[in-house]
Amino acid sequence: QVQLVESGGGLVQAGGSLRLSCVASGRTFSNNAMGWFRQAPGKEREFVARITWRGGSTYYADSVKGRFTISRDNAKNTVYLQMNSLKPEDTAVYYCAAQIGVAYDYWGQGTQVTVSS
């Protein structure tokens, strides 16, 4: 059974940092791009960041560029999202996903990030 499990969310004050982790089990995703998405209350899920399978290329939403960093450790089947200079508008449930082909076919259950002002 394939699983993606996120962790590292929590409550933090504006300007603080959090590091999210996503551990994959059931299969390896070392040959797949991985992404982070988020969904705030009352809003649609939105793209946050993406990393190619070797980690050579990264992509970010404009809203997080310069503050968030996506990375991966294929030996640990883990993807990370380092979030710095957090803002209240970053409050959301954060999901990791594995891209198979053109679609993200595997999703985690999400981890809550709450940024207080």
C-alpha atoms as a PDB file:
ATOM      1  CA  GLN A   1       0.000   0.000   0.000  1.00  0.00           C
ATOM      2  CA  VAL A   2       1.420   3.328  -1.067  1.00  0.00           C
ATOM      3  CA  GLN A   3       1.372   6.024   1.566  1.00  0.00           C
ATOM      4  CA  LEU A   4       2.602   9.591   1.838  1.00  0.00           C
ATOM      5  CA  VAL A   5       2.691  10.847   5.401  1.00  0.00           C
ATOM      6  CA  GLU A   6       3.278  14.514   6.191  1.00  0.00           C
ATOM      7  CA  SER A   7       4.498  15.839   9.514  1.00  0.00           C
ATOM      8  CA  GLY A   8       5.965  18.983  11.009  1.00  0.00           C
ATOM      9  CA  GLY A   9       2.943  21.252  10.973  1.00  0.00           C
ATOM     10  CA  GLY A  10       1.864  23.278  13.953  1.00  0.00           C
ATOM     11  CA  LEU A  11       1.177  26.710  15.352  1.00  0.00           C
ATOM     12  CA  VAL A  12       3.796  29.400  14.838  1.00  0.00           C
ATOM     13  CA  GLN A  13       3.909  33.176  15.137  1.00  0.00           C
ATOM     14  CA  ALA A  14       4.253  35.357  12.070  1.00  0.00           C
ATOM     15  CA  GLY A  15       7.891  35.566  11.033  1.00  0.00           C
ATOM     16  CA  GLY A  16       8.630  32.106  12.371  1.00  0.00           C
ATOM     17  CA  SER A  17       9.690  28.931  10.615  1.00  0.00           C
ATOM     18  CA  LEU A  18       8.508  25.376  10.216  1.00  0.00           C
ATOM     19  CA  ARG A  19       9.913  22.393   8.367  1.00  0.00           C
ATOM     20  CA  LEU A  20       7.464  19.942   6.873  1.00  0.00           C
ATOM     21  CA  SER A  21       8.437  16.386   6.002  1.00  0.00           C
ATOM     22  CA  CYS A  22       6.731  13.875   3.744  1.00  0.00           C
ATOM     23  CA  VAL A  23       7.766  10.242   3.992  1.00  0.00           C
ATOM     24  CA  ALA A  24       6.728   7.814   1.276  1.00  0.00           C
ATOM     25  CA  SER A  25       6.227   4.116   1.829  1.00  0.00           C
ATOM     26  CA  GLY A  26       5.005   1.238  -0.283  1.00  0.00           C
ATOM     27  CA  ARG A  27       7.078   2.249  -3.283  1.00  0.00           C
ATOM     28  CA  THR A  28       9.931   4.512  -4.133  1.00  0.00           C
ATOM     29  CA  PHE A  29       9.365   7.892  -5.728  1.00  0.00           C
ATOM     30  CA  SER A  30      13.013   8.582  -6.411  1.00  0.00           C
ATOM     31  CA  ASN A  31      12.222   8.721 -10.142  1.00  0.00           C
ATOM     32  CA  ASN A  32       9.235  11.021  -9.754  1.00  0.00           C
ATOM     33  CA  ALA A  33       8.768  14.704  -9.206  1.00  0.00           C
ATOM     34  CA  MET A  34       7.215  15.596  -5.875  1.00  0.00           C
ATOM     35  CA  GLY A  35       5.137  18.585  -4.924  1.00  0.00           C
ATOM     36  CA  TRP A  36       3.658  20.456  -2.002  1.00  0.00           C
ATOM     37  CA  PHE A  37       0.180  21.955  -2.116  1.00  0.00           C
ATOM     38  CA  ARG A  38      -1.961  23.739   0.439  1.00  0.00           C
ATOM     39  CA  GLN A  39      -5.608  24.425   1.078  1.00  0.00           C
ATOM     40  CA  ALA A  40      -6.836  27.237   3.259  1.00  0.00           C
ATOM     41  CA  PRO A  41     -10.361  27.256   4.738  1.00  0.00           C
ATOM     42  CA  GLY A  42     -12.913  28.177   2.101  1.00  0.00           C
ATOM     43  CA  LYS A  43     -10.340  28.152  -0.686  1.00  0.00           C
ATOM     44  CA  GLU A  44      -9.291  25.717  -3.372  1.00  0.00           C
ATOM     45  CA  ARG A  45      -6.126  23.699  -3.039  1.00  0.00           C
ATOM     46  CA  GLU A  46      -3.188  25.537  -4.561  1.00  0.00           C
ATOM     47  CA  PHE A  47       0.282  24.662  -5.734  1.00  0.00           C
ATOM     48  CA  VAL A  48       3.152  25.618  -3.426  1.00  0.00           C
ATOM     49  CA  ALA A  49       6.346  23.982  -4.698  1.00  0.00           C
ATOM     50  CA  ARG A  50       7.691  21.195  -6.894  1.00  0.00           C
ATOM     51  CA  ILE A  51      10.989  19.373  -7.133  1.00  0.00           C
ATOM     52  CA  THR A  52      12.181  17.125  -9.938  1.00  0.00           C
ATOM     53  CA  TRP A  53      13.230  13.570  -9.215  1.00  0.00           C
ATOM     54  CA  ARG A  54      16.917  14.339  -8.942  1.00  0.00           C
ATOM     55  CA  GLY A  55      16.278  17.581  -7.145  1.00  0.00           C
ATOM     56  CA  GLY A  56      17.994  19.561  -9.847  1.00  0.00           C
ATOM     57  CA  SER A  57      15.043  21.816 -10.537  1.00  0.00           C
ATOM     58  CA  THR A  58      12.603  23.462  -8.184  1.00  0.00           C
ATOM     59  CA  TYR A  59       9.523  25.555  -8.797  1.00  0.00           C
ATOM     60  CA  TYR A  60       7.565  27.788  -6.448  1.00  0.00           C
ATOM     61  CA  ALA A  61       4.349  29.705  -6.312  1.00  0.00           C
ATOM     62  CA  ASP A  62       5.010  33.432  -6.416  1.00  0.00           C
ATOM     63  CA  SER A  63       3.441  33.792  -2.979  1.00  0.00           C
ATOM     64  CA  VAL A  64       6.156  31.661  -1.323  1.00  0.00           C
ATOM     65  CA  LYS A  65       9.160  32.346  -3.545  1.00  0.00           C
ATOM     66  CA  GLY A  66      12.154  33.417  -1.487  1.00  0.00           C
ATOM     67  CA  ARG A  67      10.602  32.169   1.763  1.00  0.00           C
ATOM     68  CA  PHE A  68      10.017  28.444   1.183  1.00  0.00           C
ATOM     69  CA  THR A  69      12.518  25.823   0.054  1.00  0.00           C
ATOM     70  CA  ILE A  70      11.643  22.357  -1.217  1.00  0.00           C
ATOM     71  CA  SER A  71      14.224  19.577  -1.030  1.00  0.00           C
ATOM     72  CA  ARG A  72      14.343  15.804  -1.090  1.00  0.00           C
ATOM     73  CA  ASP A  73      16.379  12.887   0.192  1.00  0.00           C
ATOM     74  CA  ASN A  74      15.765   9.973  -2.156  1.00  0.00           C
ATOM     75  CA  ALA A  75      17.678   7.585   0.089  1.00  0.00           C
ATOM     76  CA  LYS A  76      15.069   8.278   2.762  1.00  0.00           C
ATOM     77  CA  ASN A  77      12.152   8.553   0.316  1.00  0.00           C
ATOM     78  CA  THR A  78      11.424  11.897   1.938  1.00  0.00           C
ATOM     79  CA  VAL A  79      10.565  15.375   0.685  1.00  0.00           C
ATOM     80  CA  TYR A  80      10.879  18.503   2.815  1.00  0.00           C
ATOM     81  CA  LEU A  81       9.423  21.975   2.780  1.00  0.00           C
ATOM     82  CA  GLN A  82      11.338  24.536   4.776  1.00  0.00           C
ATOM     83  CA  MET A  83       9.085  27.503   5.467  1.00  0.00           C
ATOM     84  CA  ASN A  84      10.617  30.742   6.724  1.00  0.00           C
ATOM     85  CA  SER A  85       9.188  34.194   7.344  1.00  0.00           C
ATOM     86  CA  LEU A  86       5.749  32.700   7.727  1.00  0.00           C
ATOM     87  CA  LYS A  87       2.723  34.933   7.321  1.00  0.00           C
ATOM     88  CA  PRO A  88      -0.852  34.515   8.551  1.00  0.00           C
ATOM     89  CA  GLU A  89      -1.918  33.952   4.937  1.00  0.00           C
ATOM     90  CA  ASP A  90       0.245  30.823   4.877  1.00  0.00           C
ATOM     91  CA  THR A  91      -2.236  29.198   7.242  1.00  0.00           C
ATOM     92  CA  ALA A  92      -3.548  26.069   5.531  1.00  0.00           C
ATOM     93  CA  VAL A  93      -3.463  22.308   5.415  1.00  0.00           C
ATOM     94  CA  TYR A  94      -0.315  21.326   3.552  1.00  0.00           C
ATOM     95  CA  TYR A  95      -0.235  18.228   1.365  1.00  0.00           C
ATOM     96  CA  CYS A  96       2.594  16.457  -0.383  1.00  0.00           C
ATOM     97  CA  ALA A  97       2.018  14.616  -3.633  1.00  0.00           C
ATOM     98  CA  ALA A  98       3.905  12.388  -6.046  1.00  0.00           C
ATOM     99  CA  GLN A  99       3.716  13.093  -9.743  1.00  0.00           C
ATOM    100  CA  ILE A 100       3.233  10.076 -11.986  1.00  0.00           C
ATOM    101  CA  GLY A 101       3.259  11.118 -15.599  1.00  0.00           C
ATOM    102  CA  VAL A 102       1.505  14.472 -15.886  1.00  0.00           C
ATOM    103  CA  ALA A 103      -0.726  14.082 -12.845  1.00  0.00           C
ATOM    104  CA  TYR A 104      -0.183  13.949  -9.114  1.00  0.00           C
ATOM    105  CA  ASP A 105      -1.549  10.508  -8.370  1.00  0.00           C
ATOM    106  CA  TYR A 106      -0.528   9.979  -4.759  1.00  0.00           C
ATOM    107  CA  TRP A 107      -1.421  12.359  -1.948  1.00  0.00           C
ATOM    108  CA  GLY A 108      -0.776  12.525   1.751  1.00  0.00           C
ATOM    109  CA  GLN A 109      -3.415  13.208   4.371  1.00  0.00           C
ATOM    110  CA  GLY A 110      -2.134  16.707   5.069  1.00  0.00           C
ATOM    111  CA  THR A 111      -0.641  18.552   8.008  1.00  0.00           C
ATOM    112  CA  GLN A 112      -2.081  21.730   9.515  1.00  0.00           C
ATOM    113  CA  VAL A 113       0.005  24.897   9.568  1.00  0.00           C
ATOM    114  CA  THR A 114      -1.365  27.832  11.510  1.00  0.00           C
ATOM    115  CA  VAL A 115       0.409  31.180  11.571  1.00  0.00           C
ATOM    116  CA  SER A 116      -0.740  33.664  14.171  1.00  0.00           C
ATOM    117  CA  SER A 117      -0.364  37.417  13.741  1.00  0.00           C
END
